[in-house]
Amino acid sequence: MEAGAMQINYSKGIIRWLNSSPVIFVSYVSICSFIVYSCMYGFRKPFTVGLYNNVFFLGISYKVCLVIAQVFGYMISKFYGIRFISSMLPEKRAACIVGCIGIAWASLLLFAVIPAPYNIICLFINGLPLGMVWGLVFGYLEGRKTTELMGAVLATSFIFASGMAKTVGKWIQLSLHISDWWMPFTAGAIFIIPLLGTVWLLSQTPPPTADDIAHRTIRSPMTSDERKQFLKQFGLSMVPVVIAYAVFTIVRDFSEDFANELWTETGYQNNASIFAQTGTIISLFALAVVGGFFLIKDNYKAFRMSHYLIIAGVAISAFITMLFNLHIVSPFTWMVTATAGLYLGYLPFNCLFFERMLSVYKIKGNIGFLMYIADAFGYLGTVVVLLVKEFIPIKYSWVNFFSFLFYSAGFVGILLVGCSLLLHSKMYKKL
């Protein structure tokens, strides 16, 4: 009883402290959400630095099978999350985050214990709960005047955390000499304590204020009828955006899951810090650009500019890839710049694009619904490309394959996001 009363007092004290200053609030929520989501990557990405040499399943490289299994589970969770996340009650978010991570970590233990090829199912199970974590975490951030700034910090964890998780996995192998099979579970053990602590801290976040609601819209769980009404009104304008985002997701996933192979091919095979080094550079750049959008008070202006940012980002990726193919820039410059450009196209959807869209059209709902529609088809695209790459015999190098991906993102992004801009310009004039 005393412990419960003490916890309530701590919670009230934290809330008073957070409400005392906007700087304190933004810093607190940004850091907590960043750490929670970064720790989630510690249960998702370390296995990708394993090579699983001389192991095949149905004639396919075993690592590719593992990536497909995890992404397939992640994809299914995104489709389920369209309903689950959009209707999530705020008071249940923290428990759901811990439960999802617990299931994912247990699956990595089974992955180490169960022999190949039967442990493929463990990576599928691993992906199922992890796909829910973003929506649960972002629920604490959305619908506020500073959502873009906090969301940008959270979104940059995609870049930083992926590199950090792979660096930890590589360090475990090189320094502790732990096998490919036990390395993912061991990496999870490093992340579990900071994750639990910051989930509790994040759960103390107070709801949006009346001023927040006045500048944006109230964010609430959506009913089935509300989801249907949204698709009836905005379904057409979502089509080019979802297709473009799907392409960006495919490129991003390959950049993360097969970065080790690309760096090995370009001469960085013994550099464990390369993942964190490049991830940190890209994270800081993306944070500065995307986070700055919170300074734009006009919702429609910010919404339009988010289109321009996405187009510029993927155009940069395609252009630097061309320079690399012409031997004008180095592999390191190419990958850092191309990935930075890709994330300038990818990240706005996760913290800016849909946030301002809801505000512009005064939509009652939440970002989780829109993002999980986009994510579901994005990861479906990743699964399809992985399967096509393996079952259609095409000779390629990793450099050529990544060049093709960056060119595709540039072409599709400029065309389809430009189409979205035109559609919303017409829709806004009718308001």
Protein backbone atom coordinates (compact mmCIF):
# COMPACT_ATOMS: atom_id res chain seq x y z
CA MET A 1 0.00 0.00 0.00
CA GLU A 2 2.80 2.39 0.91
CA ALA A 3 4.67 1.53 -2.30
CA GLY A 4 1.55 2.32 -4.32
CA ALA A 5 1.06 5.66 -2.59
CA MET A 6 4.73 6.52 -3.09
CA GLN A 7 4.47 5.75 -6.81
CA ILE A 8 1.40 8.00 -7.09
CA ASN A 9 3.29 10.82 -5.37
CA TYR A 10 6.26 10.35 -7.72
CA SER A 11 3.91 10.47 -10.72
CA LYS A 12 2.21 13.65 -9.53
CA GLY A 13 5.60 15.25 -8.90
CA ILE A 14 6.83 14.39 -12.40
CA ILE A 15 3.66 15.78 -13.99
CA ARG A 16 3.98 19.07 -12.06
CA TRP A 17 7.63 19.29 -13.10
CA LEU A 18 6.79 18.63 -16.77
CA ASN A 19 4.06 21.26 -16.77
CA SER A 20 6.42 23.85 -15.29
CA SER A 21 8.30 24.51 -18.55
CA PRO A 22 7.85 23.70 -22.27
CA VAL A 23 11.60 23.08 -22.57
CA ILE A 24 11.52 20.54 -19.76
CA PHE A 25 8.46 18.85 -21.24
CA VAL A 26 9.89 18.58 -24.76
CA SER A 27 13.29 17.41 -23.53
CA TYR A 28 11.81 14.82 -21.17
CA VAL A 29 9.34 13.29 -23.62
CA SER A 30 11.79 13.41 -26.53
CA ILE A 31 14.57 11.68 -24.60
CA CYS A 32 12.28 9.04 -23.08
CA SER A 33 10.62 8.16 -26.38
CA PHE A 34 13.99 8.11 -28.14
CA ILE A 35 15.46 5.69 -25.59
CA VAL A 36 12.40 3.42 -25.57
CA TYR A 37 12.34 3.08 -29.34
CA SER A 38 16.13 2.79 -29.58
CA CYS A 39 16.02 -0.06 -27.09
CA MET A 40 13.33 -1.77 -29.17
CA TYR A 41 15.87 -1.93 -31.99
CA GLY A 42 18.12 -3.91 -29.65
CA PHE A 43 15.60 -6.75 -29.94
CA ARG A 44 15.03 -6.33 -33.67
CA LYS A 45 18.25 -5.54 -35.55
CA PRO A 46 21.35 -7.18 -33.98
CA PHE A 47 20.74 -10.48 -35.78
CA THR A 48 21.32 -8.73 -39.12
CA VAL A 49 25.09 -8.47 -38.49
CA GLY A 50 25.29 -12.25 -38.32
CA LEU A 51 26.38 -13.88 -41.57
CA TYR A 52 25.03 -17.41 -40.92
CA ASN A 53 27.55 -18.73 -43.44
CA ASN A 54 27.01 -22.09 -45.14
CA VAL A 55 23.43 -22.36 -43.87
CA PHE A 56 20.62 -22.50 -46.41
CA PHE A 57 16.91 -23.22 -46.40
CA LEU A 58 15.11 -24.25 -49.60
CA GLY A 59 18.24 -23.18 -51.47
CA ILE A 60 18.07 -19.64 -50.05
CA SER A 61 20.71 -17.95 -47.91
CA TYR A 62 19.68 -18.47 -44.28
CA LYS A 63 20.12 -14.82 -43.40
CA VAL A 64 17.70 -13.84 -46.15
CA CYS A 65 15.23 -16.39 -44.77
CA LEU A 66 15.54 -14.84 -41.31
CA VAL A 67 15.07 -11.30 -42.65
CA ILE A 68 11.99 -12.40 -44.63
CA ALA A 69 10.53 -14.16 -41.57
CA GLN A 70 10.98 -11.15 -39.31
CA VAL A 71 9.72 -8.64 -41.86
CA PHE A 72 6.72 -10.87 -42.61
CA GLY A 73 5.81 -10.88 -38.91
CA TYR A 74 6.40 -7.13 -38.76
CA MET A 75 4.15 -6.65 -41.79
CA ILE A 76 1.30 -8.67 -40.28
CA SER A 77 1.53 -6.61 -37.09
CA LYS A 78 1.19 -3.43 -39.16
CA PHE A 79 -2.01 -4.64 -40.82
CA TYR A 80 -3.41 -5.67 -37.44
CA GLY A 81 -2.21 -2.39 -35.96
CA ILE A 82 -4.48 -0.38 -38.28
CA ARG A 83 -7.32 -1.32 -35.95
CA PHE A 84 -5.39 -2.14 -32.76
CA ILE A 85 -3.28 1.03 -32.51
CA SER A 86 -5.98 3.41 -33.76
CA SER A 87 -8.34 2.20 -31.01
CA MET A 88 -5.71 1.94 -28.22
CA LEU A 89 -6.65 3.50 -24.88
CA PRO A 90 -3.87 5.78 -23.54
CA GLU A 91 -3.71 4.12 -20.11
CA LYS A 92 -2.84 0.74 -21.66
CA ARG A 93 0.10 1.87 -23.81
CA ALA A 94 2.94 1.26 -21.32
CA ALA A 95 1.85 -2.27 -20.43
CA CYS A 96 1.49 -3.11 -24.11
CA ILE A 97 5.02 -1.85 -24.86
CA VAL A 98 6.53 -4.03 -22.11
CA GLY A 99 4.48 -7.03 -23.21
CA CYS A 100 5.56 -6.65 -26.83
CA ILE A 101 9.24 -6.44 -25.89
CA GLY A 102 8.93 -9.43 -23.56
CA ILE A 103 7.51 -11.62 -26.33
CA ALA A 104 10.19 -10.44 -28.76
CA TRP A 105 13.03 -11.21 -26.32
CA ALA A 106 11.62 -14.66 -25.50
CA SER A 107 11.56 -15.44 -29.23
CA LEU A 108 15.29 -14.62 -29.44
CA LEU A 109 15.99 -17.10 -26.64
CA LEU A 110 14.10 -19.75 -28.59
CA PHE A 111 16.06 -18.74 -31.70
CA ALA A 112 19.29 -19.59 -29.86
CA VAL A 113 17.99 -22.89 -28.46
CA ILE A 114 16.08 -24.30 -31.42
CA PRO A 115 18.36 -25.56 -34.23
CA ALA A 116 18.23 -24.30 -37.81
CA PRO A 117 16.13 -24.35 -39.92
CA TYR A 118 13.32 -24.71 -37.39
CA ASN A 119 14.26 -21.49 -35.60
CA ILE A 120 13.14 -19.42 -38.58
CA ILE A 121 9.70 -19.29 -36.93
CA CYS A 122 11.30 -17.52 -33.96
CA LEU A 123 12.20 -14.48 -36.09
CA PHE A 124 8.64 -14.42 -37.42
CA ILE A 125 7.34 -14.36 -33.84
CA ASN A 126 9.92 -11.68 -33.01
CA GLY A 127 8.54 -9.36 -35.67
CA LEU A 128 4.89 -9.69 -34.65
CA PRO A 129 4.94 -7.67 -31.39
CA LEU A 130 7.73 -5.26 -32.37
CA GLY A 131 5.62 -3.80 -35.16
CA MET A 132 3.23 -2.39 -32.54
CA VAL A 133 5.82 -0.42 -30.55
CA TRP A 134 6.04 2.69 -32.75
CA GLY A 135 2.32 3.42 -32.57
CA LEU A 136 2.27 2.88 -28.81
CA VAL A 137 5.21 5.26 -28.27
CA PHE A 138 4.04 7.95 -30.69
CA GLY A 139 0.67 8.09 -28.94
CA TYR A 140 2.41 10.01 -26.15
CA LEU A 141 3.72 12.63 -28.61
CA GLU A 142 0.99 13.46 -31.10
CA GLY A 143 -1.51 16.28 -31.11
CA ARG A 144 0.82 18.87 -29.50
CA LYS A 145 2.32 22.14 -30.71
CA THR A 146 5.76 20.56 -30.41
CA THR A 147 4.89 17.18 -31.94
CA GLU A 148 7.22 17.66 -34.92
CA LEU A 149 10.20 18.39 -32.70
CA MET A 150 9.56 15.46 -30.38
CA GLY A 151 8.56 13.26 -33.30
CA ALA A 152 11.75 14.15 -35.16
CA VAL A 153 13.80 13.07 -32.15
CA LEU A 154 11.84 9.81 -32.02
CA ALA A 155 12.12 9.30 -35.77
CA THR A 156 15.88 9.80 -35.78
CA SER A 157 16.05 6.81 -33.45
CA PHE A 158 15.24 4.78 -36.59
CA ILE A 159 18.64 5.74 -37.92
CA PHE A 160 20.73 5.95 -34.78
CA ALA A 161 19.25 2.90 -33.08
CA SER A 162 19.64 0.66 -36.09
CA GLY A 163 23.34 1.50 -36.28
CA MET A 164 23.74 1.22 -32.52
CA ALA A 165 21.98 -2.16 -32.33
CA LYS A 166 24.14 -3.54 -35.12
CA THR A 167 27.28 -2.12 -33.53
CA VAL A 168 26.37 -3.84 -30.25
CA GLY A 169 25.73 -7.09 -32.11
CA LYS A 170 29.03 -6.85 -33.96
CA TRP A 171 30.88 -5.98 -30.72
CA ILE A 172 29.36 -9.02 -28.98
CA GLN A 173 30.67 -11.23 -31.75
CA LEU A 174 34.13 -9.68 -32.09
CA SER A 175 34.86 -9.08 -28.40
CA LEU A 176 32.85 -11.73 -26.55
CA HIS A 177 33.09 -14.36 -29.31
CA ILE A 178 29.39 -15.23 -29.05
CA SER A 179 27.87 -17.12 -31.97
CA ASP A 180 25.41 -15.79 -34.54
CA TRP A 181 22.66 -17.75 -32.79
CA TRP A 182 23.11 -16.44 -29.22
CA MET A 183 24.19 -12.93 -30.16
CA PRO A 184 20.63 -11.50 -30.70
CA PHE A 185 19.40 -12.69 -27.27
CA THR A 186 22.58 -11.43 -25.59
CA ALA A 187 22.12 -8.03 -27.21
CA GLY A 188 18.56 -7.89 -25.86
CA ALA A 189 19.86 -8.41 -22.34
CA ILE A 190 21.89 -5.21 -22.70
CA PHE A 191 18.82 -3.17 -23.64
CA ILE A 192 16.13 -4.55 -21.31
CA ILE A 193 16.83 -2.49 -18.15
CA PRO A 194 17.01 0.96 -19.81
CA LEU A 195 13.88 0.07 -21.77
CA LEU A 196 11.81 -0.79 -18.69
CA GLY A 197 12.93 2.34 -16.86
CA THR A 198 12.17 4.73 -19.70
CA VAL A 199 8.80 3.11 -20.47
CA TRP A 200 7.70 3.96 -16.92
CA LEU A 201 9.04 7.50 -17.27
CA LEU A 202 7.30 7.95 -20.63
CA SER A 203 4.02 6.70 -19.16
CA GLN A 204 4.01 9.75 -16.87
CA THR A 205 3.52 12.09 -19.85
CA PRO A 206 0.41 14.27 -19.31
CA PRO A 207 -2.20 14.49 -22.11
CA PRO A 208 -2.24 17.40 -24.60
CA THR A 209 -3.28 20.73 -23.13
CA ALA A 210 -6.22 22.84 -24.27
CA ASP A 211 -3.73 25.07 -26.11
CA ASP A 212 -2.32 22.03 -27.93
CA ILE A 213 -5.81 20.96 -28.98
CA ALA A 214 -6.61 24.47 -30.19
CA HIS A 215 -3.53 24.51 -32.46
CA ARG A 216 -3.95 20.93 -33.69
CA THR A 217 -6.94 18.63 -33.14
CA ILE A 218 -8.00 16.37 -30.33
CA ARG A 219 -6.45 12.92 -30.70
CA SER A 220 -8.65 10.06 -29.60
CA PRO A 221 -9.19 6.34 -30.26
CA MET A 222 -11.07 5.77 -33.52
CA THR A 223 -14.15 3.63 -33.95
CA SER A 224 -14.74 1.41 -36.97
CA ASP A 225 -17.20 3.95 -38.42
CA GLU A 226 -14.70 6.78 -38.01
CA ARG A 227 -12.01 4.80 -39.81
CA LYS A 228 -14.41 4.06 -42.68
CA GLN A 229 -15.44 7.71 -42.91
CA PHE A 230 -11.79 8.79 -43.13
CA LEU A 231 -11.07 6.37 -45.98
CA LYS A 232 -14.21 7.50 -47.80
CA GLN A 233 -13.12 11.14 -47.61
CA PHE A 234 -9.33 10.83 -48.02
CA GLY A 235 -8.76 7.37 -49.52
CA LEU A 236 -7.91 8.67 -53.01
CA SER A 237 -5.35 11.17 -51.73
CA MET A 238 -3.74 8.43 -49.61
CA VAL A 239 -3.00 6.18 -52.61
CA PRO A 240 0.07 7.99 -54.06
CA VAL A 241 1.40 8.66 -50.56
CA VAL A 242 1.11 5.02 -49.49
CA ILE A 243 2.77 3.77 -52.69
CA ALA A 244 5.64 6.25 -52.33
CA TYR A 245 6.06 5.40 -48.66
CA ALA A 246 6.07 1.69 -49.52
CA VAL A 247 8.98 2.25 -51.91
CA PHE A 248 10.87 4.30 -49.31
CA THR A 249 10.27 1.55 -46.74
CA ILE A 250 11.67 -1.09 -49.09
CA VAL A 251 14.84 0.94 -49.66
CA ARG A 252 15.19 1.74 -45.95
CA ASP A 253 14.77 -1.88 -44.89
CA PHE A 254 17.39 -3.13 -47.34
CA SER A 255 19.71 -0.32 -46.25
CA GLU A 256 19.39 -1.55 -42.66
CA ASP A 257 19.24 -5.32 -43.07
CA PHE A 258 22.00 -5.69 -45.67
CA ALA A 259 24.26 -2.77 -44.74
CA ASN A 260 26.82 -5.25 -43.42
CA GLU A 261 27.07 -6.91 -46.83
CA LEU A 262 27.41 -3.57 -48.62
CA TRP A 263 30.10 -2.29 -46.25
CA THR A 264 31.93 -5.62 -46.59
CA GLU A 265 31.82 -5.33 -50.38
CA THR A 266 33.22 -1.78 -50.23
CA GLY A 267 36.09 -2.62 -47.83
CA TYR A 268 34.73 -1.93 -44.32
CA GLN A 269 34.26 -5.53 -43.17
CA ASN A 270 36.35 -5.20 -39.96
CA ASN A 271 34.94 -1.87 -38.80
CA ALA A 272 32.31 -2.51 -36.09
CA SER A 273 31.79 1.22 -35.48
CA ILE A 274 30.81 2.03 -39.07
CA PHE A 275 27.11 1.46 -38.34
CA ALA A 276 26.93 3.78 -35.33
CA GLN A 277 29.24 6.31 -37.00
CA THR A 278 27.11 6.69 -40.12
CA GLY A 279 23.87 6.44 -38.13
CA THR A 280 24.88 9.29 -35.83
CA ILE A 281 25.81 11.60 -38.72
CA ILE A 282 22.53 10.94 -40.52
CA SER A 283 20.47 11.21 -37.31
CA LEU A 284 21.79 14.66 -36.43
CA PHE A 285 21.23 15.96 -39.95
CA ALA A 286 17.68 14.61 -40.17
CA LEU A 287 16.82 15.89 -36.69
CA ALA A 288 17.92 19.43 -37.54
CA VAL A 289 15.89 19.53 -40.78
CA VAL A 290 12.70 17.69 -39.81
CA GLY A 291 12.55 18.95 -36.22
CA GLY A 292 12.64 22.55 -37.39
CA PHE A 293 9.12 22.20 -38.79
CA PHE A 294 7.61 22.75 -35.34
CA LEU A 295 8.50 26.45 -35.82
CA ILE A 296 5.96 26.66 -38.66
CA LYS A 297 2.67 27.48 -36.96
CA ASP A 298 0.48 27.43 -40.06
CA ASN A 299 -0.63 23.81 -40.49
CA TYR A 300 -1.32 23.98 -44.22
CA LYS A 301 2.00 25.69 -44.96
CA ALA A 302 3.86 23.02 -42.99
CA PHE A 303 1.87 20.28 -44.74
CA ARG A 304 2.78 21.63 -48.18
CA MET A 305 6.43 22.08 -47.23
CA SER A 306 6.59 18.49 -46.00
CA HIS A 307 5.86 17.43 -49.60
CA TYR A 308 8.77 19.56 -50.85
CA LEU A 309 11.08 18.11 -48.19
CA ILE A 310 10.24 14.54 -49.18
CA ILE A 311 10.82 15.28 -52.87
CA ALA A 312 14.13 17.02 -52.16
CA GLY A 313 15.34 14.15 -49.95
CA VAL A 314 14.84 11.34 -52.45
CA ALA A 315 16.18 13.54 -55.26
CA ILE A 316 19.42 13.96 -53.26
CA SER A 317 19.65 10.16 -52.88
CA ALA A 318 19.34 9.60 -56.60
CA PHE A 319 21.79 12.40 -57.48
CA ILE A 320 24.58 11.26 -55.11
CA THR A 321 24.12 7.70 -56.36
CA MET A 322 24.75 8.93 -59.89
CA LEU A 323 27.92 10.70 -58.72
CA PHE A 324 29.11 7.51 -57.02
CA ASN A 325 28.44 5.43 -60.12
CA LEU A 326 30.53 7.95 -62.06
CA HIS A 327 33.36 7.44 -59.48
CA ILE A 328 33.18 11.07 -58.34
CA VAL A 329 32.48 10.37 -54.65
CA SER A 330 33.68 7.64 -52.26
CA PRO A 331 31.54 4.71 -50.99
CA PHE A 332 31.37 6.32 -47.52
CA THR A 333 30.17 9.67 -48.91
CA TRP A 334 27.67 7.90 -51.15
CA MET A 335 26.08 5.80 -48.41
CA VAL A 336 25.93 8.59 -45.84
CA THR A 337 24.47 11.14 -48.27
CA ALA A 338 22.10 8.74 -50.05
CA THR A 339 20.80 7.37 -46.76
CA ALA A 340 20.42 10.89 -45.33
CA GLY A 341 18.40 11.89 -48.40
CA LEU A 342 16.29 8.77 -48.12
CA TYR A 343 15.48 9.53 -44.50
CA LEU A 344 14.51 13.10 -45.39
CA GLY A 345 11.89 11.45 -47.58
CA TYR A 346 10.95 8.74 -45.10
CA LEU A 347 10.94 10.43 -41.70
CA PRO A 348 8.37 13.20 -42.39
CA PHE A 349 5.63 10.59 -42.63
CA ASN A 350 6.49 9.37 -39.14
CA CYS A 351 6.40 12.73 -37.35
CA LEU A 352 5.23 15.54 -39.62
CA PHE A 353 3.20 14.70 -42.72
CA PHE A 354 0.22 12.94 -41.12
CA GLU A 355 0.36 15.13 -37.99
CA ARG A 356 -0.22 18.25 -40.06
CA MET A 357 -2.71 16.50 -42.34
CA LEU A 358 -4.97 15.71 -39.38
CA SER A 359 -4.63 19.31 -38.20
CA VAL A 360 -5.32 20.88 -41.61
CA TYR A 361 -8.57 18.97 -42.15
CA LYS A 362 -9.64 18.98 -38.47
CA ILE A 363 -9.88 15.19 -38.41
CA LYS A 364 -10.85 13.49 -35.18
CA GLY A 365 -8.57 10.50 -34.86
CA ASN A 366 -4.91 9.66 -34.45
CA ILE A 367 -1.73 9.26 -36.47
CA GLY A 368 -1.49 5.57 -35.61
CA PHE A 369 -4.34 4.78 -38.01
CA LEU A 370 -2.74 6.59 -40.96
CA MET A 371 0.81 5.40 -40.27
CA TYR A 372 -0.17 1.77 -39.89
CA ILE A 373 -1.95 1.84 -43.24
CA ALA A 374 1.23 3.18 -44.85
CA ASP A 375 3.52 0.86 -42.87
CA ALA A 376 1.45 -2.23 -43.64
CA PHE A 377 1.82 -1.79 -47.39
CA GLY A 378 5.42 -0.66 -46.98
CA TYR A 379 6.46 -3.89 -45.30
CA LEU A 380 4.34 -5.91 -47.73
CA GLY A 381 6.48 -4.37 -50.47
CA THR A 382 9.66 -5.32 -48.60
CA VAL A 383 8.55 -8.96 -48.35
CA VAL A 384 7.69 -9.06 -52.07
CA VAL A 385 11.05 -7.60 -53.12
CA LEU A 386 12.94 -9.98 -50.83
CA LEU A 387 11.17 -12.97 -52.36
CA VAL A 388 11.61 -11.74 -55.95
CA LYS A 389 15.30 -11.06 -55.31
CA GLU A 390 15.82 -14.63 -54.13
CA PHE A 391 13.64 -16.60 -56.54
CA ILE A 392 14.37 -14.73 -59.78
CA PRO A 393 18.00 -15.47 -60.64
CA ILE A 394 19.65 -12.12 -61.41
CA LYS A 395 23.38 -11.59 -61.04
CA TYR A 396 24.13 -8.40 -59.16
CA SER A 397 26.54 -6.85 -56.72
CA TRP A 398 25.31 -5.16 -53.55
CA VAL A 399 26.55 -1.83 -54.94
CA ASN A 400 24.47 -2.24 -58.10
CA PHE A 401 21.43 -3.39 -56.12
CA PHE A 402 21.55 -0.42 -53.74
CA SER A 403 22.09 1.96 -56.66
CA PHE A 404 18.92 0.63 -58.26
CA LEU A 405 17.00 1.12 -55.00
CA PHE A 406 18.07 4.74 -54.56
CA TYR A 407 17.27 5.57 -58.19
CA SER A 408 13.82 3.97 -57.78
CA ALA A 409 13.09 5.93 -54.60
CA GLY A 410 14.02 9.17 -56.36
CA PHE A 411 11.84 8.56 -59.41
CA VAL A 412 8.80 7.26 -57.53
CA GLY A 413 9.05 9.84 -54.77
CA ILE A 414 9.20 12.86 -57.07
CA LEU A 415 6.31 11.58 -59.20
CA LEU A 416 3.88 10.36 -56.52
CA VAL A 417 4.53 12.91 -53.78
CA GLY A 418 4.15 15.62 -56.42
CA CYS A 419 0.79 14.04 -57.30
CA SER A 420 -0.22 14.13 -53.61
CA LEU A 421 0.68 17.81 -53.45
CA LEU A 422 -1.62 18.60 -56.38
CA LEU A 423 -4.50 16.55 -54.93
CA HIS A 424 -4.31 18.24 -51.53
CA SER A 425 -4.03 21.70 -53.11
CA LYS A 426 -7.39 21.09 -54.80
CA MET A 427 -8.94 19.57 -51.66
CA TYR A 428 -7.84 22.47 -49.46
CA LYS A 429 -9.39 25.05 -51.80
CA LYS A 430 -12.76 23.35 -51.27
CA LEU A 431 -12.65 23.75 -47.47
